[in-house]
Amino acid sequence: MRHINRGVAIILPKQPYVDWANGLPDAGFSVTLDDVRHDALAVLISDCDTDEEARRHIGDLAEEIFEYKLWYWCTNENWWPADRSKARFWEWFDVAVHSEVLDPYEDPIEKEEQ
């Protein structure tokens, strides 16, 4: 196994995300906070020395991550909240940062555009 020069941030939705998802015009079923936090988004970030530095990296990516999480649930951008600012991101998501990332595989990591 090899340590890679990245940290990982786990993006965990909060209740406002659930309320938005359940309030969509085409919501055919309700979800709970546990439902949306069960299989959370993991984002590789630059290797950071402090939690504050890691939060700054996430802050720089906040609007892009926010839009990804909205798109993941609803592709109709007309139904997305108008305010997708960094401040709103922190209201809608918790972030758990981990600094140790191991890659046990020899094959290269493949990247896809989203």
C-alpha atoms as a PDB file:
ATOM      1  CA  MET A   1       0.000   0.000   0.000  1.00  0.00           C
ATOM      2  CA  ARG A   2       1.110   3.510  -0.731  1.00  0.00           C
ATOM      3  CA  HIS A   3       0.215   6.756   0.950  1.00  0.00           C
ATOM      4  CA  ILE A   4      -0.921   9.314  -1.635  1.00  0.00           C
ATOM      5  CA  ASN A   5      -0.450  13.059  -1.464  1.00  0.00           C
ATOM      6  CA  ARG A   6      -4.122  13.806  -0.953  1.00  0.00           C
ATOM      7  CA  GLY A   7      -6.556  14.119   1.880  1.00  0.00           C
ATOM      8  CA  VAL A   8     -10.194  13.166   1.637  1.00  0.00           C
ATOM      9  CA  ALA A   9     -13.229  15.217   2.578  1.00  0.00           C
ATOM     10  CA  ILE A  10     -16.498  13.404   3.241  1.00  0.00           C
ATOM     11  CA  ILE A  11     -19.452  15.633   2.314  1.00  0.00           C
ATOM     12  CA  LEU A  12     -22.428  14.901   4.580  1.00  0.00           C
ATOM     13  CA  PRO A  13     -25.796  16.536   3.839  1.00  0.00           C
ATOM     14  CA  LYS A  14     -27.638  18.278   6.656  1.00  0.00           C
ATOM     15  CA  GLN A  15     -31.389  18.703   7.163  1.00  0.00           C
ATOM     16  CA  PRO A  16     -31.807  21.645   4.711  1.00  0.00           C
ATOM     17  CA  TYR A  17     -30.670  19.352   1.872  1.00  0.00           C
ATOM     18  CA  VAL A  18     -33.240  16.753   2.925  1.00  0.00           C
ATOM     19  CA  ASP A  19     -35.976  19.397   3.159  1.00  0.00           C
ATOM     20  CA  TRP A  20     -35.120  20.622  -0.350  1.00  0.00           C
ATOM     21  CA  ALA A  21     -35.092  17.068  -1.781  1.00  0.00           C
ATOM     22  CA  ASN A  22     -38.412  16.196  -0.139  1.00  0.00           C
ATOM     23  CA  GLY A  23     -39.962  19.475  -1.359  1.00  0.00           C
ATOM     24  CA  LEU A  24     -39.190  18.965  -5.038  1.00  0.00           C
ATOM     25  CA  PRO A  25     -42.256  18.998  -7.312  1.00  0.00           C
ATOM     26  CA  ASP A  26     -41.566  15.471  -8.548  1.00  0.00           C
ATOM     27  CA  ALA A  27     -40.539  13.971  -5.194  1.00  0.00           C
ATOM     28  CA  GLY A  28     -42.142  10.548  -5.371  1.00  0.00           C
ATOM     29  CA  PHE A  29     -40.962   9.495  -1.932  1.00  0.00           C
ATOM     30  CA  SER A  30     -39.501  11.036   1.205  1.00  0.00           C
ATOM     31  CA  VAL A  31     -35.931  10.611   2.366  1.00  0.00           C
ATOM     32  CA  THR A  32     -34.440  11.029   5.794  1.00  0.00           C
ATOM     33  CA  LEU A  33     -31.164  12.521   6.920  1.00  0.00           C
ATOM     34  CA  ASP A  34     -29.853   9.000   7.511  1.00  0.00           C
ATOM     35  CA  ASP A  35     -30.791   8.059   3.936  1.00  0.00           C
ATOM     36  CA  VAL A  36     -28.759  10.860   2.347  1.00  0.00           C
ATOM     37  CA  ARG A  37     -25.796  10.495   4.704  1.00  0.00           C
ATOM     38  CA  HIS A  38     -25.505   6.735   4.259  1.00  0.00           C
ATOM     39  CA  ASP A  39     -23.421   6.801   1.061  1.00  0.00           C
ATOM     40  CA  ALA A  40     -21.723  10.188   1.286  1.00  0.00           C
ATOM     41  CA  LEU A  41     -19.627  11.943  -1.349  1.00  0.00           C
ATOM     42  CA  ALA A  42     -15.852  11.697  -0.887  1.00  0.00           C
ATOM     43  CA  VAL A  43     -13.683  14.412  -2.439  1.00  0.00           C
ATOM     44  CA  LEU A  44      -9.911  14.226  -2.728  1.00  0.00           C
ATOM     45  CA  ILE A  45      -8.259  17.443  -1.579  1.00  0.00           C
ATOM     46  CA  SER A  46      -4.701  18.692  -1.399  1.00  0.00           C
ATOM     47  CA  ASP A  47      -2.599  17.307   1.406  1.00  0.00           C
ATOM     48  CA  CYS A  48      -3.164  19.684   4.342  1.00  0.00           C
ATOM     49  CA  ASP A  49      -1.331  20.239   7.596  1.00  0.00           C
ATOM     50  CA  THR A  50      -4.318  21.581   9.554  1.00  0.00           C
ATOM     51  CA  ASP A  51      -8.100  21.245   9.640  1.00  0.00           C
ATOM     52  CA  GLU A  52      -8.332  24.978   8.930  1.00  0.00           C
ATOM     53  CA  GLU A  53      -6.294  24.563   5.747  1.00  0.00           C
ATOM     54  CA  ALA A  54      -8.477  21.627   4.676  1.00  0.00           C
ATOM     55  CA  ARG A  55     -11.655  23.664   5.285  1.00  0.00           C
ATOM     56  CA  ARG A  56     -10.217  26.444   3.100  1.00  0.00           C
ATOM     57  CA  HIS A  57      -9.680  23.922   0.301  1.00  0.00           C
ATOM     58  CA  ILE A  58     -13.275  22.724   0.653  1.00  0.00           C
ATOM     59  CA  GLY A  59     -14.443  26.341   0.768  1.00  0.00           C
ATOM     60  CA  ASP A  60     -12.701  26.937  -2.568  1.00  0.00           C
ATOM     61  CA  LEU A  61     -14.636  23.985  -4.012  1.00  0.00           C
ATOM     62  CA  ALA A  62     -17.897  24.623  -2.121  1.00  0.00           C
ATOM     63  CA  GLU A  63     -20.043  25.985  -4.948  1.00  0.00           C
ATOM     64  CA  GLU A  64     -18.917  23.251  -7.350  1.00  0.00           C
ATOM     65  CA  ILE A  65     -19.572  20.513  -4.767  1.00  0.00           C
ATOM     66  CA  PHE A  66     -22.920  22.104  -3.883  1.00  0.00           C
ATOM     67  CA  GLU A  67     -24.029  22.040  -7.530  1.00  0.00           C
ATOM     68  CA  TYR A  68     -22.824  18.462  -7.930  1.00  0.00           C
ATOM     69  CA  LYS A  69     -24.892  17.349  -4.936  1.00  0.00           C
ATOM     70  CA  LEU A  70     -27.955  19.195  -6.256  1.00  0.00           C
ATOM     71  CA  TRP A  71     -27.502  17.690  -9.726  1.00  0.00           C
ATOM     72  CA  TYR A  72     -27.034  14.235  -8.207  1.00  0.00           C
ATOM     73  CA  TRP A  73     -30.536  14.491  -6.744  1.00  0.00           C
ATOM     74  CA  CYS A  74     -32.280  16.657  -9.362  1.00  0.00           C
ATOM     75  CA  THR A  75     -31.084  17.464 -12.882  1.00  0.00           C
ATOM     76  CA  ASN A  76     -33.656  20.245 -13.339  1.00  0.00           C
ATOM     77  CA  GLU A  77     -31.614  23.320 -12.419  1.00  0.00           C
ATOM     78  CA  ASN A  78     -34.802  25.425 -12.273  1.00  0.00           C
ATOM     79  CA  TRP A  79     -35.657  23.600  -9.057  1.00  0.00           C
ATOM     80  CA  TRP A  80     -32.288  24.256  -7.429  1.00  0.00           C
ATOM     81  CA  PRO A  81     -32.055  26.891  -4.713  1.00  0.00           C
ATOM     82  CA  ALA A  82     -30.977  30.277  -6.072  1.00  0.00           C
ATOM     83  CA  ASP A  83     -28.451  30.779  -3.281  1.00  0.00           C
ATOM     84  CA  ARG A  84     -25.644  28.294  -3.811  1.00  0.00           C
ATOM     85  CA  SER A  85     -22.997  30.375  -2.100  1.00  0.00           C
ATOM     86  CA  LYS A  86     -20.156  29.149   0.065  1.00  0.00           C
ATOM     87  CA  ALA A  87     -22.075  30.281   3.165  1.00  0.00           C
ATOM     88  CA  ARG A  88     -25.141  28.294   2.113  1.00  0.00           C
ATOM     89  CA  PHE A  89     -22.936  25.260   1.410  1.00  0.00           C
ATOM     90  CA  TRP A  90     -21.777  25.237   5.030  1.00  0.00           C
ATOM     91  CA  GLU A  91     -25.435  25.495   6.169  1.00  0.00           C
ATOM     92  CA  TRP A  92     -26.404  22.499   4.041  1.00  0.00           C
ATOM     93  CA  PHE A  93     -23.371  20.215   4.518  1.00  0.00           C
ATOM     94  CA  ASP A  94     -21.043  18.900   7.197  1.00  0.00           C
ATOM     95  CA  VAL A  95     -17.542  17.987   6.103  1.00  0.00           C
ATOM     96  CA  ALA A  96     -15.320  15.360   7.718  1.00  0.00           C
ATOM     97  CA  VAL A  97     -11.677  15.641   6.663  1.00  0.00           C
ATOM     98  CA  HIS A  98      -9.191  12.778   6.798  1.00  0.00           C
ATOM     99  CA  SER A  99      -5.511  13.262   6.085  1.00  0.00           C
ATOM    100  CA  GLU A 100      -4.386   9.686   5.570  1.00  0.00           C
ATOM    101  CA  VAL A 101      -5.273   8.204   2.203  1.00  0.00           C
ATOM    102  CA  LEU A 102      -3.833   4.887   1.073  1.00  0.00           C
ATOM    103  CA  ASP A 103      -3.994   3.381  -2.393  1.00  0.00           C
ATOM    104  CA  PRO A 104      -3.499  -0.387  -2.231  1.00  0.00           C
ATOM    105  CA  TYR A 105      -3.753  -0.904  -5.996  1.00  0.00           C
ATOM    106  CA  GLU A 106      -1.118  -0.805  -8.729  1.00  0.00           C
ATOM    107  CA  ASP A 107      -3.445   0.220 -11.566  1.00  0.00           C
ATOM    108  CA  PRO A 108      -3.711   3.972 -12.248  1.00  0.00           C
ATOM    109  CA  ILE A 109      -6.625   6.046 -11.034  1.00  0.00           C
ATOM    110  CA  GLU A 110      -8.994   6.921 -13.869  1.00  0.00           C
ATOM    111  CA  LYS A 111     -10.668  10.316 -13.987  1.00  0.00           C
ATOM    112  CA  GLU A 112     -13.987  11.135 -15.672  1.00  0.00           C
ATOM    113  CA  GLU A 113     -15.422  14.584 -16.301  1.00  0.00           C
ATOM    114  CA  GLN A 114     -18.725  15.259 -14.544  1.00  0.00           C
END
